[in-house]
């Protein structure tokens, strides 16, 4: 079976695109919704405004494992699009460079709120399928990363919707 390089899901959030974008485009907040990410620290320090070229280190967990990724924002179009690329990984600090993944969030105004689409793209194009499949199944306890990320995306979007619809929060 050919490798799946991209998966996505969409959710309706009863909040305007500006509010949703403000929250999602602040990488430090992702830990509030993601089942795997614990948040992030911008290279320029906390409170750094999100912009194309901004670098941040994401802290992550899966079961007892913990690791850090280095990411760079590649799109920051307020109320419409936020995208970043993951390009280094390591345990305490991201020391191993290489194309890993791209995460994208699209925001579309719809009656009563915002349609949010989250997309994960596997950037490990140079990996042979057999090697990627074997690595993925070990790292995710039996799944490909596409299957694993599909579930994570669904959980993240569900949590984002619940939190933003629960009432006012500050990014």
C-alpha atoms as a PDB file:
ATOM      1  CA  UNK A   1       0.000   0.000   0.000  1.00  0.00           C
ATOM      2  CA  UNK A   2       1.445   3.419  -0.915  1.00  0.00           C
ATOM      3  CA  UNK A   3       2.493   5.714   1.891  1.00  0.00           C
ATOM      4  CA  UNK A   4       0.090   8.494   2.924  1.00  0.00           C
ATOM      5  CA  UNK A   5       1.979  11.796   3.080  1.00  0.00           C
ATOM      6  CA  UNK A   6      -0.813  14.074   4.291  1.00  0.00           C
ATOM      7  CA  UNK A   7      -3.917  13.881   6.488  1.00  0.00           C
ATOM      8  CA  UNK A   8      -6.360  16.537   7.645  1.00  0.00           C
ATOM      9  CA  UNK A   9      -9.601  17.119   9.484  1.00  0.00           C
ATOM     10  CA  UNK A  10     -11.980  20.050   9.916  1.00  0.00           C
ATOM     11  CA  UNK A  11     -14.109  21.344  12.773  1.00  0.00           C
ATOM     12  CA  UNK A  12     -16.616  24.163  13.190  1.00  0.00           C
ATOM     13  CA  UNK A  13     -15.810  26.545  16.070  1.00  0.00           C
ATOM     14  CA  UNK A  14     -18.411  29.056  17.249  1.00  0.00           C
ATOM     15  CA  UNK A  15     -15.888  31.913  17.360  1.00  0.00           C
ATOM     16  CA  UNK A  16     -14.739  34.438  14.785  1.00  0.00           C
ATOM     17  CA  UNK A  17     -11.659  33.673  12.637  1.00  0.00           C
ATOM     18  CA  UNK A  18      -9.598  36.360  14.373  1.00  0.00           C
ATOM     19  CA  UNK A  19     -10.090  34.785  17.805  1.00  0.00           C
ATOM     20  CA  UNK A  20      -9.355  31.280  16.559  1.00  0.00           C
ATOM     21  CA  UNK A  21      -6.288  32.436  14.606  1.00  0.00           C
ATOM     22  CA  UNK A  22      -4.914  34.326  17.626  1.00  0.00           C
ATOM     23  CA  UNK A  23      -4.986  31.179  19.712  1.00  0.00           C
ATOM     24  CA  UNK A  24      -3.760  28.666  17.142  1.00  0.00           C
ATOM     25  CA  UNK A  25      -0.959  30.881  15.797  1.00  0.00           C
ATOM     26  CA  UNK A  26       0.630  31.172  19.253  1.00  0.00           C
ATOM     27  CA  UNK A  27       2.755  27.985  19.417  1.00  0.00           C
ATOM     28  CA  UNK A  28       3.083  28.300  23.196  1.00  0.00           C
ATOM     29  CA  UNK A  29      -0.654  27.557  23.498  1.00  0.00           C
ATOM     30  CA  UNK A  30      -0.782  24.351  21.422  1.00  0.00           C
ATOM     31  CA  UNK A  31      -0.255  22.251  24.546  1.00  0.00           C
ATOM     32  CA  UNK A  32      -3.764  23.253  25.660  1.00  0.00           C
ATOM     33  CA  UNK A  33      -5.322  21.183  22.858  1.00  0.00           C
ATOM     34  CA  UNK A  34      -2.818  18.695  21.494  1.00  0.00           C
ATOM     35  CA  UNK A  35      -2.560  15.179  22.920  1.00  0.00           C
ATOM     36  CA  UNK A  36       1.172  15.186  22.148  1.00  0.00           C
ATOM     37  CA  UNK A  37       2.472  18.763  22.232  1.00  0.00           C
ATOM     38  CA  UNK A  38       3.207  20.463  25.551  1.00  0.00           C
ATOM     39  CA  UNK A  39       3.636  23.968  24.116  1.00  0.00           C
ATOM     40  CA  UNK A  40       6.553  25.827  22.604  1.00  0.00           C
ATOM     41  CA  UNK A  41       9.139  28.467  23.321  1.00  0.00           C
ATOM     42  CA  UNK A  42      10.004  31.038  20.625  1.00  0.00           C
ATOM     43  CA  UNK A  43      13.748  31.407  20.000  1.00  0.00           C
ATOM     44  CA  UNK A  44      13.374  35.168  20.581  1.00  0.00           C
ATOM     45  CA  UNK A  45      11.669  34.551  23.937  1.00  0.00           C
ATOM     46  CA  UNK A  46       8.128  34.376  25.273  1.00  0.00           C
ATOM     47  CA  UNK A  47       5.650  36.901  23.921  1.00  0.00           C
ATOM     48  CA  UNK A  48       7.273  37.034  20.479  1.00  0.00           C
ATOM     49  CA  UNK A  49       4.736  38.030  17.829  1.00  0.00           C
ATOM     50  CA  UNK A  50       4.041  35.260  15.331  1.00  0.00           C
ATOM     51  CA  UNK A  51       5.503  36.045  11.915  1.00  0.00           C
ATOM     52  CA  UNK A  52       6.926  34.216   8.930  1.00  0.00           C
ATOM     53  CA  UNK A  53      10.462  33.155   9.821  1.00  0.00           C
ATOM     54  CA  UNK A  54       9.818  32.927  13.558  1.00  0.00           C
ATOM     55  CA  UNK A  55      11.609  29.928  15.066  1.00  0.00           C
ATOM     56  CA  UNK A  56      10.307  28.030  18.076  1.00  0.00           C
ATOM     57  CA  UNK A  57      11.105  24.836  19.922  1.00  0.00           C
ATOM     58  CA  UNK A  58       8.139  22.589  20.575  1.00  0.00           C
ATOM     59  CA  UNK A  59       8.076  20.312  23.611  1.00  0.00           C
ATOM     60  CA  UNK A  60       6.371  16.980  23.014  1.00  0.00           C
ATOM     61  CA  UNK A  61       5.423  13.747  24.761  1.00  0.00           C
ATOM     62  CA  UNK A  62       4.120  10.324  23.841  1.00  0.00           C
ATOM     63  CA  UNK A  63       3.649   8.071  26.832  1.00  0.00           C
ATOM     64  CA  UNK A  64       6.875   8.231  28.864  1.00  0.00           C
ATOM     65  CA  UNK A  65       8.902   9.630  25.942  1.00  0.00           C
ATOM     66  CA  UNK A  66       9.746  13.345  25.764  1.00  0.00           C
ATOM     67  CA  UNK A  67      11.446  15.221  22.919  1.00  0.00           C
ATOM     68  CA  UNK A  68      11.925  18.684  21.463  1.00  0.00           C
ATOM     69  CA  UNK A  69      11.473  19.853  17.879  1.00  0.00           C
ATOM     70  CA  UNK A  70      12.743  22.972  16.105  1.00  0.00           C
ATOM     71  CA  UNK A  71      10.106  24.633  13.949  1.00  0.00           C
ATOM     72  CA  UNK A  72       9.922  27.639  11.641  1.00  0.00           C
ATOM     73  CA  UNK A  73       6.746  29.530  10.774  1.00  0.00           C
ATOM     74  CA  UNK A  74       6.263  29.506   6.978  1.00  0.00           C
ATOM     75  CA  UNK A  75       2.857  31.224   6.766  1.00  0.00           C
ATOM     76  CA  UNK A  76       1.158  33.672   9.139  1.00  0.00           C
ATOM     77  CA  UNK A  77      -1.794  35.227   7.361  1.00  0.00           C
ATOM     78  CA  UNK A  78      -4.065  36.542  10.144  1.00  0.00           C
ATOM     79  CA  UNK A  79      -7.535  35.020  10.253  1.00  0.00           C
ATOM     80  CA  UNK A  80      -6.770  32.772   7.259  1.00  0.00           C
ATOM     81  CA  UNK A  81      -3.629  30.610   7.495  1.00  0.00           C
ATOM     82  CA  UNK A  82      -0.931  29.516   9.948  1.00  0.00           C
ATOM     83  CA  UNK A  83       1.750  27.009   8.912  1.00  0.00           C
ATOM     84  CA  UNK A  84       5.061  25.816  10.302  1.00  0.00           C
ATOM     85  CA  UNK A  85       7.663  23.279   9.324  1.00  0.00           C
ATOM     86  CA  UNK A  86       9.381  20.907  11.763  1.00  0.00           C
ATOM     87  CA  UNK A  87      13.029  20.573  10.768  1.00  0.00           C
ATOM     88  CA  UNK A  88      15.058  19.279  13.735  1.00  0.00           C
ATOM     89  CA  UNK A  89      14.501  16.922  16.651  1.00  0.00           C
ATOM     90  CA  UNK A  90      16.241  15.814  19.829  1.00  0.00           C
ATOM     91  CA  UNK A  91      15.565  14.768  23.386  1.00  0.00           C
ATOM     92  CA  UNK A  92      16.394  17.905  25.390  1.00  0.00           C
ATOM     93  CA  UNK A  93      17.245  20.125  22.457  1.00  0.00           C
ATOM     94  CA  UNK A  94      16.675  19.713  18.710  1.00  0.00           C
ATOM     95  CA  UNK A  95      20.145  18.721  17.497  1.00  0.00           C
ATOM     96  CA  UNK A  96      19.315  16.354  14.601  1.00  0.00           C
ATOM     97  CA  UNK A  97      18.347  18.406  11.512  1.00  0.00           C
ATOM     98  CA  UNK A  98      16.226  17.158   8.643  1.00  0.00           C
ATOM     99  CA  UNK A  99      12.789  17.487   7.064  1.00  0.00           C
ATOM    100  CA  UNK A 100      10.235  15.994   9.450  1.00  0.00           C
ATOM    101  CA  UNK A 101       6.721  17.421   8.965  1.00  0.00           C
ATOM    102  CA  UNK A 102       4.659  20.479   8.111  1.00  0.00           C
ATOM    103  CA  UNK A 103       1.603  21.523  10.121  1.00  0.00           C
ATOM    104  CA  UNK A 104      -1.013  23.835   8.615  1.00  0.00           C
ATOM    105  CA  UNK A 105      -4.152  25.472   9.979  1.00  0.00           C
ATOM    106  CA  UNK A 106      -6.687  27.129   7.678  1.00  0.00           C
ATOM    107  CA  UNK A 107      -9.480  29.361   8.974  1.00  0.00           C
ATOM    108  CA  UNK A 108     -12.619  30.074   6.968  1.00  0.00           C
ATOM    109  CA  UNK A 109     -15.400  32.367   8.120  1.00  0.00           C
ATOM    110  CA  UNK A 110     -18.750  30.591   7.999  1.00  0.00           C
ATOM    111  CA  UNK A 111     -22.122  31.627   9.410  1.00  0.00           C
ATOM    112  CA  UNK A 112     -21.852  31.589  13.201  1.00  0.00           C
ATOM    113  CA  UNK A 113     -18.127  30.989  13.441  1.00  0.00           C
ATOM    114  CA  UNK A 114     -15.044  29.522  11.823  1.00  0.00           C
ATOM    115  CA  UNK A 115     -14.243  26.344   9.976  1.00  0.00           C
ATOM    116  CA  UNK A 116     -10.767  25.222  11.090  1.00  0.00           C
ATOM    117  CA  UNK A 117      -8.813  22.698   9.032  1.00  0.00           C
ATOM    118  CA  UNK A 118      -5.658  21.162  10.475  1.00  0.00           C
ATOM    119  CA  UNK A 119      -3.296  19.339   8.102  1.00  0.00           C
ATOM    120  CA  UNK A 120      -0.204  17.243   8.805  1.00  0.00           C
ATOM    121  CA  UNK A 121       2.214  16.569   5.949  1.00  0.00           C
ATOM    122  CA  UNK A 122       5.044  14.053   6.181  1.00  0.00           C
ATOM    123  CA  UNK A 123       8.197  15.783   4.941  1.00  0.00           C
ATOM    124  CA  UNK A 124      10.322  12.611   5.147  1.00  0.00           C
ATOM    125  CA  UNK A 125      10.123  12.172   1.359  1.00  0.00           C
ATOM    126  CA  UNK A 126      13.643  10.776   1.144  1.00  0.00           C
ATOM    127  CA  UNK A 127      12.874   7.841   3.426  1.00  0.00           C
ATOM    128  CA  UNK A 128      12.127   4.562   1.655  1.00  0.00           C
ATOM    129  CA  UNK A 129       8.536   3.459   2.377  1.00  0.00           C
ATOM    130  CA  UNK A 130       9.625   0.267   4.162  1.00  0.00           C
ATOM    131  CA  UNK A 131      11.988   2.173   6.480  1.00  0.00           C
ATOM    132  CA  UNK A 132       9.361   4.852   7.223  1.00  0.00           C
ATOM    133  CA  UNK A 133       6.667   2.233   7.847  1.00  0.00           C
ATOM    134  CA  UNK A 134       8.904   0.247  10.229  1.00  0.00           C
ATOM    135  CA  UNK A 135      10.006   3.369  12.119  1.00  0.00           C
ATOM    136  CA  UNK A 136       6.426   4.675  12.324  1.00  0.00           C
ATOM    137  CA  UNK A 137       5.041   1.433  13.709  1.00  0.00           C
ATOM    138  CA  UNK A 138       7.729   1.318  16.415  1.00  0.00           C
ATOM    139  CA  UNK A 139       7.325   5.023  17.319  1.00  0.00           C
ATOM    140  CA  UNK A 140       3.504   4.885  17.434  1.00  0.00           C
ATOM    141  CA  UNK A 141       3.052   1.352  18.774  1.00  0.00           C
ATOM    142  CA  UNK A 142       1.660  -0.181  15.619  1.00  0.00           C
ATOM    143  CA  UNK A 143       0.445   2.628  13.367  1.00  0.00           C
ATOM    144  CA  UNK A 144       1.750   4.631  10.455  1.00  0.00           C
ATOM    145  CA  UNK A 145       2.306   8.308  11.236  1.00  0.00           C
ATOM    146  CA  UNK A 146      -0.587   9.189   8.931  1.00  0.00           C
ATOM    147  CA  UNK A 147      -2.980   7.002  10.981  1.00  0.00           C
ATOM    148  CA  UNK A 148      -1.517   8.285  14.234  1.00  0.00           C
ATOM    149  CA  UNK A 149      -1.679  11.955  13.227  1.00  0.00           C
ATOM    150  CA  UNK A 150      -5.245  11.596  11.928  1.00  0.00           C
ATOM    151  CA  UNK A 151      -6.285  10.640  15.478  1.00  0.00           C
ATOM    152  CA  UNK A 152      -4.162  13.430  17.033  1.00  0.00           C
ATOM    153  CA  UNK A 153      -5.672  16.020  14.681  1.00  0.00           C
ATOM    154  CA  UNK A 154      -9.198  14.929  15.552  1.00  0.00           C
ATOM    155  CA  UNK A 155      -8.392  15.214  19.281  1.00  0.00           C
ATOM    156  CA  UNK A 156      -6.671  18.585  18.899  1.00  0.00           C
ATOM    157  CA  UNK A 157      -9.577  20.082  16.944  1.00  0.00           C
ATOM    158  CA  UNK A 158     -12.140  18.707  19.377  1.00  0.00           C
ATOM    159  CA  UNK A 159     -10.198  20.201  22.333  1.00  0.00           C
ATOM    160  CA  UNK A 160      -9.727  23.549  20.550  1.00  0.00           C
ATOM    161  CA  UNK A 161     -13.452  23.760  19.828  1.00  0.00           C
ATOM    162  CA  UNK A 162     -14.391  22.875  23.424  1.00  0.00           C
ATOM    163  CA  UNK A 163     -12.045  25.438  24.941  1.00  0.00           C
ATOM    164  CA  UNK A 164     -12.857  28.342  22.624  1.00  0.00           C
ATOM    165  CA  UNK A 165     -16.603  27.734  22.871  1.00  0.00           C
ATOM    166  CA  UNK A 166     -16.484  27.423  26.686  1.00  0.00           C
ATOM    167  CA  UNK A 167     -15.942  31.147  27.080  1.00  0.00           C
ATOM    168  CA  UNK A 168     -13.425  33.946  26.770  1.00  0.00           C
ATOM    169  CA  UNK A 169      -9.805  32.960  27.094  1.00  0.00           C
ATOM    170  CA  UNK A 170      -6.753  35.052  26.472  1.00  0.00           C
ATOM    171  CA  UNK A 171      -4.127  33.804  24.069  1.00  0.00           C
END
